[in-house]
N, C-alpha and C. Protein backbone atom coordinates (compact mmCIF):
# COMPACT_ATOMS: atom_id res chain seq x y z
N UNK A 1 12.40 -36.02 -4.21
CA UNK A 1 12.52 -34.58 -4.39
C UNK A 1 11.43 -33.84 -3.62
N UNK A 2 10.23 -34.43 -3.58
CA UNK A 2 9.13 -33.77 -2.88
C UNK A 2 9.40 -33.72 -1.37
N UNK A 3 10.07 -34.74 -0.84
CA UNK A 3 10.38 -34.72 0.59
C UNK A 3 11.44 -33.65 0.89
N UNK A 4 12.36 -33.45 -0.04
CA UNK A 4 13.37 -32.39 0.12
C UNK A 4 12.68 -31.03 0.10
N UNK A 5 11.73 -30.87 -0.80
CA UNK A 5 10.97 -29.62 -0.88
C UNK A 5 10.23 -29.35 0.43
N UNK A 6 9.61 -30.37 0.99
CA UNK A 6 8.89 -30.21 2.27
C UNK A 6 9.85 -29.82 3.39
N UNK A 7 11.03 -30.44 3.41
CA UNK A 7 12.03 -30.12 4.43
C UNK A 7 12.51 -28.68 4.29
N UNK A 8 12.76 -28.25 3.05
CA UNK A 8 13.19 -26.87 2.83
C UNK A 8 12.12 -25.87 3.28
N UNK A 9 10.86 -26.20 3.03
CA UNK A 9 9.77 -25.31 3.45
C UNK A 9 9.69 -25.22 4.97
N UNK A 10 9.95 -26.33 5.66
CA UNK A 10 9.98 -26.32 7.13
C UNK A 10 11.16 -25.48 7.62
N UNK A 11 12.29 -25.62 6.96
CA UNK A 11 13.48 -24.83 7.33
C UNK A 11 13.21 -23.34 7.14
N UNK A 12 12.58 -23.00 6.04
CA UNK A 12 12.26 -21.59 5.78
C UNK A 12 11.34 -21.04 6.87
N UNK A 13 10.32 -21.80 7.23
CA UNK A 13 9.40 -21.36 8.28
C UNK A 13 10.13 -21.17 9.61
N UNK A 14 11.03 -22.08 9.94
CA UNK A 14 11.80 -21.97 11.18
C UNK A 14 12.71 -20.75 11.16
N UNK A 15 13.29 -20.46 10.01
CA UNK A 15 14.16 -19.29 9.89
C UNK A 15 13.37 -18.00 10.06
N UNK A 16 12.19 -17.93 9.47
CA UNK A 16 11.34 -16.74 9.62
C UNK A 16 10.95 -16.58 11.09
N UNK A 17 10.52 -17.68 11.70
CA UNK A 17 10.11 -17.64 13.10
C UNK A 17 11.28 -17.27 14.01
N UNK A 18 12.48 -17.69 13.63
CA UNK A 18 13.67 -17.40 14.41
C UNK A 18 14.29 -16.04 14.14
N UNK A 19 13.63 -15.24 13.32
CA UNK A 19 14.13 -13.89 13.07
C UNK A 19 15.27 -13.82 12.07
N UNK A 20 15.32 -14.73 11.13
CA UNK A 20 16.36 -14.75 10.10
C UNK A 20 15.73 -14.59 8.72
N UNK A 21 15.09 -13.45 8.43
CA UNK A 21 14.36 -13.30 7.17
C UNK A 21 15.25 -13.35 5.93
N UNK A 22 16.46 -12.84 6.01
CA UNK A 22 17.34 -12.85 4.84
C UNK A 22 17.77 -14.28 4.50
N UNK A 23 18.08 -15.06 5.51
CA UNK A 23 18.44 -16.45 5.27
C UNK A 23 17.23 -17.22 4.74
N UNK A 24 16.05 -16.89 5.25
CA UNK A 24 14.82 -17.53 4.77
C UNK A 24 14.60 -17.22 3.29
N UNK A 25 14.96 -16.01 2.87
CA UNK A 25 14.83 -15.65 1.45
C UNK A 25 15.76 -16.51 0.59
N UNK A 26 16.95 -16.78 1.09
CA UNK A 26 17.88 -17.65 0.34
C UNK A 26 17.32 -19.06 0.22
N UNK A 27 16.74 -19.56 1.29
CA UNK A 27 16.12 -20.89 1.23
C UNK A 27 14.94 -20.86 0.26
N UNK A 28 14.22 -19.74 0.21
CA UNK A 28 13.11 -19.60 -0.74
C UNK A 28 13.60 -19.73 -2.17
N UNK A 29 14.79 -19.22 -2.45
CA UNK A 29 15.36 -19.36 -3.79
C UNK A 29 15.63 -20.83 -4.12
N UNK A 30 16.13 -21.56 -3.14
CA UNK A 30 16.36 -23.00 -3.35
C UNK A 30 15.03 -23.72 -3.58
N UNK A 31 14.00 -23.33 -2.85
CA UNK A 31 12.67 -23.92 -3.03
C UNK A 31 12.15 -23.61 -4.43
N UNK A 32 12.30 -22.37 -4.85
CA UNK A 32 11.85 -21.97 -6.19
C UNK A 32 12.58 -22.78 -7.26
N UNK A 33 13.88 -22.91 -7.13
CA UNK A 33 14.66 -23.67 -8.11
C UNK A 33 14.19 -25.12 -8.18
N UNK A 34 13.95 -25.71 -7.03
CA UNK A 34 13.49 -27.10 -7.00
C UNK A 34 12.10 -27.23 -7.61
N UNK A 35 11.21 -26.30 -7.30
CA UNK A 35 9.86 -26.34 -7.87
C UNK A 35 9.89 -26.18 -9.39
N UNK A 36 10.77 -25.33 -9.88
CA UNK A 36 10.91 -25.15 -11.33
C UNK A 36 11.35 -26.46 -11.97
N UNK A 37 12.34 -27.11 -11.36
CA UNK A 37 12.81 -28.39 -11.89
C UNK A 37 11.71 -29.45 -11.86
N UNK A 38 10.96 -29.48 -10.78
CA UNK A 38 9.90 -30.48 -10.65
C UNK A 38 8.76 -30.24 -11.63
N UNK A 39 8.49 -28.98 -11.94
CA UNK A 39 7.36 -28.68 -12.84
C UNK A 39 7.75 -28.73 -14.31
N UNK A 40 9.04 -28.81 -14.57
CA UNK A 40 9.56 -28.91 -15.94
C UNK A 40 9.13 -27.72 -16.81
N UNK A 41 9.16 -26.53 -16.22
CA UNK A 41 8.83 -25.32 -16.98
C UNK A 41 10.02 -24.99 -17.88
N UNK A 42 9.78 -24.79 -19.18
CA UNK A 42 10.89 -24.47 -20.08
C UNK A 42 11.51 -23.10 -19.77
N UNK A 43 12.81 -22.99 -20.02
CA UNK A 43 13.52 -21.73 -19.80
C UNK A 43 12.88 -20.58 -20.56
N UNK A 44 12.38 -20.86 -21.76
CA UNK A 44 11.77 -19.79 -22.56
C UNK A 44 10.53 -19.23 -21.87
N UNK A 45 9.75 -20.08 -21.20
CA UNK A 45 8.58 -19.60 -20.47
C UNK A 45 8.98 -18.76 -19.26
N UNK A 46 10.04 -19.18 -18.57
CA UNK A 46 10.52 -18.40 -17.42
C UNK A 46 11.04 -17.04 -17.86
N UNK A 47 11.76 -17.02 -18.98
CA UNK A 47 12.27 -15.75 -19.48
C UNK A 47 11.12 -14.84 -19.87
N UNK A 48 10.10 -15.39 -20.50
CA UNK A 48 8.93 -14.59 -20.88
C UNK A 48 8.25 -14.02 -19.63
N UNK A 49 8.17 -14.80 -18.57
CA UNK A 49 7.58 -14.31 -17.33
C UNK A 49 8.40 -13.18 -16.74
N UNK A 50 9.72 -13.35 -16.70
CA UNK A 50 10.60 -12.29 -16.18
C UNK A 50 10.47 -11.02 -17.01
N UNK A 51 10.42 -11.18 -18.33
CA UNK A 51 10.27 -10.02 -19.21
C UNK A 51 8.95 -9.31 -18.96
N UNK A 52 7.89 -10.08 -18.74
CA UNK A 52 6.58 -9.50 -18.50
C UNK A 52 6.52 -8.76 -17.16
N UNK A 53 7.29 -9.24 -16.20
CA UNK A 53 7.29 -8.61 -14.88
C UNK A 53 8.19 -7.39 -14.81
N UNK A 54 9.12 -7.27 -15.73
CA UNK A 54 10.05 -6.14 -15.75
C UNK A 54 9.51 -5.08 -16.68
N UNK A 55 9.27 -3.87 -16.14
CA UNK A 55 8.73 -2.82 -17.01
C UNK A 55 9.73 -2.41 -18.08
N UNK A 56 9.21 -1.97 -19.22
CA UNK A 56 10.08 -1.50 -20.29
C UNK A 56 10.69 -0.15 -19.90
N UNK A 57 11.61 0.36 -20.71
CA UNK A 57 12.32 1.61 -20.40
C UNK A 57 11.38 2.79 -20.27
N UNK A 58 10.37 2.90 -21.13
CA UNK A 58 9.45 4.02 -21.06
C UNK A 58 8.68 4.03 -19.74
N UNK A 59 8.23 2.88 -19.30
CA UNK A 59 7.50 2.81 -18.04
C UNK A 59 8.43 3.14 -16.88
N UNK A 60 9.68 2.73 -16.96
CA UNK A 60 10.64 3.04 -15.90
C UNK A 60 10.89 4.54 -15.82
N UNK A 61 10.97 5.20 -16.98
CA UNK A 61 11.16 6.64 -16.98
C UNK A 61 9.95 7.35 -16.38
N UNK A 62 8.74 6.89 -16.70
CA UNK A 62 7.54 7.49 -16.13
C UNK A 62 7.49 7.30 -14.63
N UNK A 63 8.00 6.17 -14.14
CA UNK A 63 7.94 5.92 -12.71
C UNK A 63 8.90 6.84 -11.95
N UNK A 64 9.91 7.38 -12.63
CA UNK A 64 10.81 8.33 -12.00
C UNK A 64 10.23 9.74 -11.96
N UNK A 65 9.19 9.98 -12.74
CA UNK A 65 8.53 11.28 -12.77
C UNK A 65 7.55 11.35 -11.60
N UNK A 66 7.79 12.25 -10.61
CA UNK A 66 6.92 12.29 -9.44
C UNK A 66 5.48 12.66 -9.76
N UNK A 67 5.24 13.31 -10.91
CA UNK A 67 3.88 13.71 -11.27
C UNK A 67 3.10 12.55 -11.86
N UNK A 68 3.79 11.55 -12.34
CA UNK A 68 3.13 10.42 -12.98
C UNK A 68 3.06 9.24 -12.02
N UNK A 69 1.84 8.87 -11.65
CA UNK A 69 1.68 7.70 -10.78
C UNK A 69 1.09 6.54 -11.55
N UNK A 70 0.61 6.79 -12.75
CA UNK A 70 0.01 5.71 -13.54
C UNK A 70 1.09 4.82 -14.13
N UNK A 71 0.82 3.55 -14.14
CA UNK A 71 1.73 2.61 -14.79
C UNK A 71 2.95 2.25 -13.97
N UNK A 72 3.00 2.64 -12.70
CA UNK A 72 4.16 2.29 -11.90
C UNK A 72 4.05 0.83 -11.47
N UNK A 73 5.13 0.10 -11.67
CA UNK A 73 5.19 -1.29 -11.25
C UNK A 73 6.50 -1.51 -10.52
N UNK A 74 6.47 -2.39 -9.58
CA UNK A 74 7.69 -2.74 -8.87
C UNK A 74 8.56 -3.58 -9.77
N UNK A 75 9.85 -3.28 -9.78
CA UNK A 75 10.78 -4.06 -10.59
C UNK A 75 10.89 -5.47 -10.05
N UNK A 76 11.04 -6.42 -10.94
CA UNK A 76 11.18 -7.81 -10.53
C UNK A 76 12.44 -7.97 -9.69
N UNK A 77 12.32 -8.70 -8.62
CA UNK A 77 13.45 -8.91 -7.73
C UNK A 77 14.46 -9.86 -8.37
N UNK A 78 13.96 -10.84 -9.09
CA UNK A 78 14.83 -11.84 -9.70
C UNK A 78 14.72 -11.80 -11.21
N UNK A 79 15.80 -12.04 -11.87
CA UNK A 79 15.81 -12.19 -13.32
C UNK A 79 16.43 -13.53 -13.65
N UNK A 80 15.91 -14.17 -14.65
CA UNK A 80 16.45 -15.45 -15.09
C UNK A 80 17.73 -15.21 -15.86
N UNK A 81 18.81 -15.84 -15.43
CA UNK A 81 20.09 -15.71 -16.10
C UNK A 81 20.56 -17.10 -16.46
N UNK A 82 20.73 -17.34 -17.74
CA UNK A 82 21.18 -18.66 -18.20
C UNK A 82 22.42 -18.51 -19.02
């Protein structure tokens, strides 16, 4: 599995160098999935991480207010779906 991970990382680097950033992002997802499997992180921990990275509704409403710059966080790009 570790050799597959190394190969995927080389492929991702080649895609970035070759001007294919979107395809490289897809390979990054495969790398992430493999790393999660290798590290044996429980689904509950991953969900907790996703929840912590995603702002609550109140913070999201404040981020839409142009006068309020405090507490703005970027929304998580990925969410764990099981």
